[in-house]
Amino acid sequence: MTHLRLILCLTLTAGLAACATMSSERYAGPVVASEPGAMARCRYLGDISGNSGLFGFFALKGADNVKQELLRRADVQGATHVVWDRPDVGYNGTTLVAKTYRCPPIAQDKP
């Protein structure tokens, strides 16, 4: 019985470790997260959403995975900025919605 518990414990630990290390490649493109009030001069492109199967203890990791994917999708859409909605964490996973915007370039003063 002790060996069965040990095997069960090791299997469970390995499974949790595998879930915890699941990662998506970090987005390194030009789209940046912003606040709603800063989008006044920008053109609204639409909402995009994504879902991760991670929830509960892993909900934060799930939300981060979805954010990385949505940043990539916003980039393809031609957005320059996203405004995140609050993640919806349920029993089926974590869902996140982002509003996408294209903002004009900021004029820089010439020396």
C-alpha atoms as a PDB file:
ATOM      1  CA  MET A   1       0.000   0.000   0.000  1.00  0.00           C
ATOM      2  CA  THR A   2       2.883   2.383   0.773  1.00  0.00           C
ATOM      3  CA  HIS A   3       4.402   1.811  -2.682  1.00  0.00           C
ATOM      4  CA  LEU A   4       1.065   2.542  -4.322  1.00  0.00           C
ATOM      5  CA  ARG A   5       0.805   5.848  -2.442  1.00  0.00           C
ATOM      6  CA  LEU A   6       4.357   6.758  -3.396  1.00  0.00           C
ATOM      7  CA  ILE A   7       3.731   5.979  -7.068  1.00  0.00           C
ATOM      8  CA  LEU A   8       0.477   7.931  -6.990  1.00  0.00           C
ATOM      9  CA  CYS A   9       2.176  10.891  -5.299  1.00  0.00           C
ATOM     10  CA  LEU A  10       5.062  10.922  -7.800  1.00  0.00           C
ATOM     11  CA  THR A  11       2.690  10.661 -10.762  1.00  0.00           C
ATOM     12  CA  LEU A  12       0.567  13.519  -9.472  1.00  0.00           C
ATOM     13  CA  THR A  13       3.630  15.662  -8.798  1.00  0.00           C
ATOM     14  CA  ALA A  14       5.028  15.001 -12.285  1.00  0.00           C
ATOM     15  CA  GLY A  15       1.685  15.883 -13.852  1.00  0.00           C
ATOM     16  CA  LEU A  16       1.437  19.151 -11.950  1.00  0.00           C
ATOM     17  CA  ALA A  17       5.011  20.044 -12.806  1.00  0.00           C
ATOM     18  CA  ALA A  18       4.317  19.420 -16.497  1.00  0.00           C
ATOM     19  CA  CYS A  19       1.287  21.714 -16.388  1.00  0.00           C
ATOM     20  CA  ALA A  20       3.143  24.413 -14.503  1.00  0.00           C
ATOM     21  CA  THR A  21       5.989  24.504 -17.031  1.00  0.00           C
ATOM     22  CA  MET A  22       3.756  24.754 -20.097  1.00  0.00           C
ATOM     23  CA  SER A  23       4.725  28.023 -21.664  1.00  0.00           C
ATOM     24  CA  SER A  24       4.117  29.931 -24.798  1.00  0.00           C
ATOM     25  CA  GLU A  25       6.846  31.911 -26.439  1.00  0.00           C
ATOM     26  CA  ARG A  26       6.903  35.499 -25.179  1.00  0.00           C
ATOM     27  CA  TYR A  27       5.617  38.070 -27.648  1.00  0.00           C
ATOM     28  CA  ALA A  28       8.308  40.593 -28.590  1.00  0.00           C
ATOM     29  CA  GLY A  29       6.575  42.636 -31.283  1.00  0.00           C
ATOM     30  CA  PRO A  30       5.427  46.253 -31.451  1.00  0.00           C
ATOM     31  CA  VAL A  31       1.924  45.904 -29.905  1.00  0.00           C
ATOM     32  CA  VAL A  32       1.768  47.307 -26.378  1.00  0.00           C
ATOM     33  CA  ALA A  33      -0.807  47.128 -23.597  1.00  0.00           C
ATOM     34  CA  SER A  34      -2.416  50.416 -22.634  1.00  0.00           C
ATOM     35  CA  GLU A  35      -5.192  51.966 -20.555  1.00  0.00           C
ATOM     36  CA  PRO A  36      -8.619  52.845 -22.005  1.00  0.00           C
ATOM     37  CA  GLY A  37      -8.186  56.594 -21.368  1.00  0.00           C
ATOM     38  CA  ALA A  38      -5.051  56.729 -23.504  1.00  0.00           C
ATOM     39  CA  MET A  39      -6.872  55.518 -26.619  1.00  0.00           C
ATOM     40  CA  ALA A  40      -8.737  58.771 -27.437  1.00  0.00           C
ATOM     41  CA  ARG A  41      -6.642  59.513 -30.562  1.00  0.00           C
ATOM     42  CA  CYS A  42      -6.610  55.905 -31.725  1.00  0.00           C
ATOM     43  CA  ARG A  43      -8.854  53.981 -34.109  1.00  0.00           C
ATOM     44  CA  TYR A  44     -10.734  51.069 -32.536  1.00  0.00           C
ATOM     45  CA  LEU A  45     -10.221  47.891 -34.585  1.00  0.00           C
ATOM     46  CA  GLY A  46     -12.331  45.416 -32.620  1.00  0.00           C
ATOM     47  CA  ASP A  47     -12.318  42.827 -29.866  1.00  0.00           C
ATOM     48  CA  ILE A  48     -10.282  39.636 -29.920  1.00  0.00           C
ATOM     49  CA  SER A  49     -10.559  36.836 -27.388  1.00  0.00           C
ATOM     50  CA  GLY A  50      -8.769  33.667 -26.448  1.00  0.00           C
ATOM     51  CA  ASN A  51      -9.103  30.778 -24.039  1.00  0.00           C
ATOM     52  CA  SER A  52      -6.702  28.610 -22.065  1.00  0.00           C
ATOM     53  CA  GLY A  53      -7.594  25.283 -20.518  1.00  0.00           C
ATOM     54  CA  LEU A  54      -5.732  26.309 -17.354  1.00  0.00           C
ATOM     55  CA  PHE A  55      -7.820  27.378 -14.363  1.00  0.00           C
ATOM     56  CA  GLY A  56      -7.761  27.341 -10.562  1.00  0.00           C
ATOM     57  CA  PHE A  57      -4.188  27.323  -9.287  1.00  0.00           C
ATOM     58  CA  PHE A  58      -2.918  27.713 -12.877  1.00  0.00           C
ATOM     59  CA  ALA A  59      -5.318  30.531 -13.917  1.00  0.00           C
ATOM     60  CA  LEU A  60      -2.593  33.205 -13.894  1.00  0.00           C
ATOM     61  CA  LYS A  61      -0.428  31.120 -16.201  1.00  0.00           C
ATOM     62  CA  GLY A  62      -3.457  30.520 -18.411  1.00  0.00           C
ATOM     63  CA  ALA A  63      -4.167  34.258 -18.603  1.00  0.00           C
ATOM     64  CA  ASP A  64      -0.523  34.973 -19.481  1.00  0.00           C
ATOM     65  CA  ASN A  65      -0.566  32.327 -22.238  1.00  0.00           C
ATOM     66  CA  VAL A  66      -3.731  33.864 -23.690  1.00  0.00           C
ATOM     67  CA  LYS A  67      -2.224  37.380 -23.514  1.00  0.00           C
ATOM     68  CA  GLN A  68       0.807  36.261 -25.523  1.00  0.00           C
ATOM     69  CA  GLU A  69      -1.438  34.720 -28.187  1.00  0.00           C
ATOM     70  CA  LEU A  70      -3.708  37.791 -28.330  1.00  0.00           C
ATOM     71  CA  LEU A  71      -0.714  40.120 -28.709  1.00  0.00           C
ATOM     72  CA  ARG A  72       0.380  38.086 -31.740  1.00  0.00           C
ATOM     73  CA  ARG A  73      -3.130  38.197 -33.218  1.00  0.00           C
ATOM     74  CA  ALA A  74      -3.392  41.958 -32.606  1.00  0.00           C
ATOM     75  CA  ASP A  75      -0.082  42.416 -34.424  1.00  0.00           C
ATOM     76  CA  VAL A  76      -1.368  40.491 -37.452  1.00  0.00           C
ATOM     77  CA  GLN A  77      -4.532  42.621 -37.333  1.00  0.00           C
ATOM     78  CA  GLY A  78      -2.400  45.770 -37.609  1.00  0.00           C
ATOM     79  CA  ALA A  79      -3.010  47.001 -34.060  1.00  0.00           C
ATOM     80  CA  THR A  80      -0.484  49.074 -32.173  1.00  0.00           C
ATOM     81  CA  HIS A  81      -2.172  48.842 -28.746  1.00  0.00           C
ATOM     82  CA  VAL A  82      -4.445  46.531 -26.772  1.00  0.00           C
ATOM     83  CA  VAL A  83      -6.581  47.200 -23.720  1.00  0.00           C
ATOM     84  CA  TRP A  84      -7.171  44.082 -21.613  1.00  0.00           C
ATOM     85  CA  ASP A  85     -10.486  43.178 -20.067  1.00  0.00           C
ATOM     86  CA  ARG A  86     -10.440  41.312 -16.769  1.00  0.00           C
ATOM     87  CA  PRO A  87      -9.776  37.557 -17.252  1.00  0.00           C
ATOM     88  CA  ASP A  88     -12.815  35.318 -16.833  1.00  0.00           C
ATOM     89  CA  VAL A  89     -11.719  32.272 -14.842  1.00  0.00           C
ATOM     90  CA  GLY A  90     -14.195  29.401 -14.835  1.00  0.00           C
ATOM     91  CA  TYR A  91     -14.246  25.635 -14.473  1.00  0.00           C
ATOM     92  CA  ASN A  92     -13.496  25.189 -18.186  1.00  0.00           C
ATOM     93  CA  GLY A  93     -10.479  27.458 -18.313  1.00  0.00           C
ATOM     94  CA  THR A  94      -9.447  31.084 -18.496  1.00  0.00           C
ATOM     95  CA  THR A  95     -10.865  33.452 -21.123  1.00  0.00           C
ATOM     96  CA  LEU A  96      -9.476  36.882 -21.931  1.00  0.00           C
ATOM     97  CA  VAL A  97     -10.772  39.638 -24.217  1.00  0.00           C
ATOM     98  CA  ALA A  98      -8.708  42.524 -25.581  1.00  0.00           C
ATOM     99  CA  LYS A  99      -9.836  45.651 -27.388  1.00  0.00           C
ATOM    100  CA  THR A 100      -7.441  46.415 -30.242  1.00  0.00           C
ATOM    101  CA  TYR A 101      -6.481  49.889 -31.484  1.00  0.00           C
ATOM    102  CA  ARG A 102      -4.283  51.458 -34.136  1.00  0.00           C
ATOM    103  CA  CYS A 103      -2.756  54.685 -32.872  1.00  0.00           C
ATOM    104  CA  PRO A 104      -0.988  57.364 -34.923  1.00  0.00           C
ATOM    105  CA  PRO A 105       2.756  57.649 -34.440  1.00  0.00           C
ATOM    106  CA  ILE A 106       3.847  60.120 -31.808  1.00  0.00           C
ATOM    107  CA  ALA A 107       5.446  63.183 -33.387  1.00  0.00           C
ATOM    108  CA  GLN A 108       8.981  63.668 -32.162  1.00  0.00           C
ATOM    109  CA  ASP A 109      10.550  67.078 -31.835  1.00  0.00           C
ATOM    110  CA  LYS A 110      13.439  67.647 -34.195  1.00  0.00           C
ATOM    111  CA  PRO A 111      16.610  69.058 -32.634  1.00  0.00           C
END
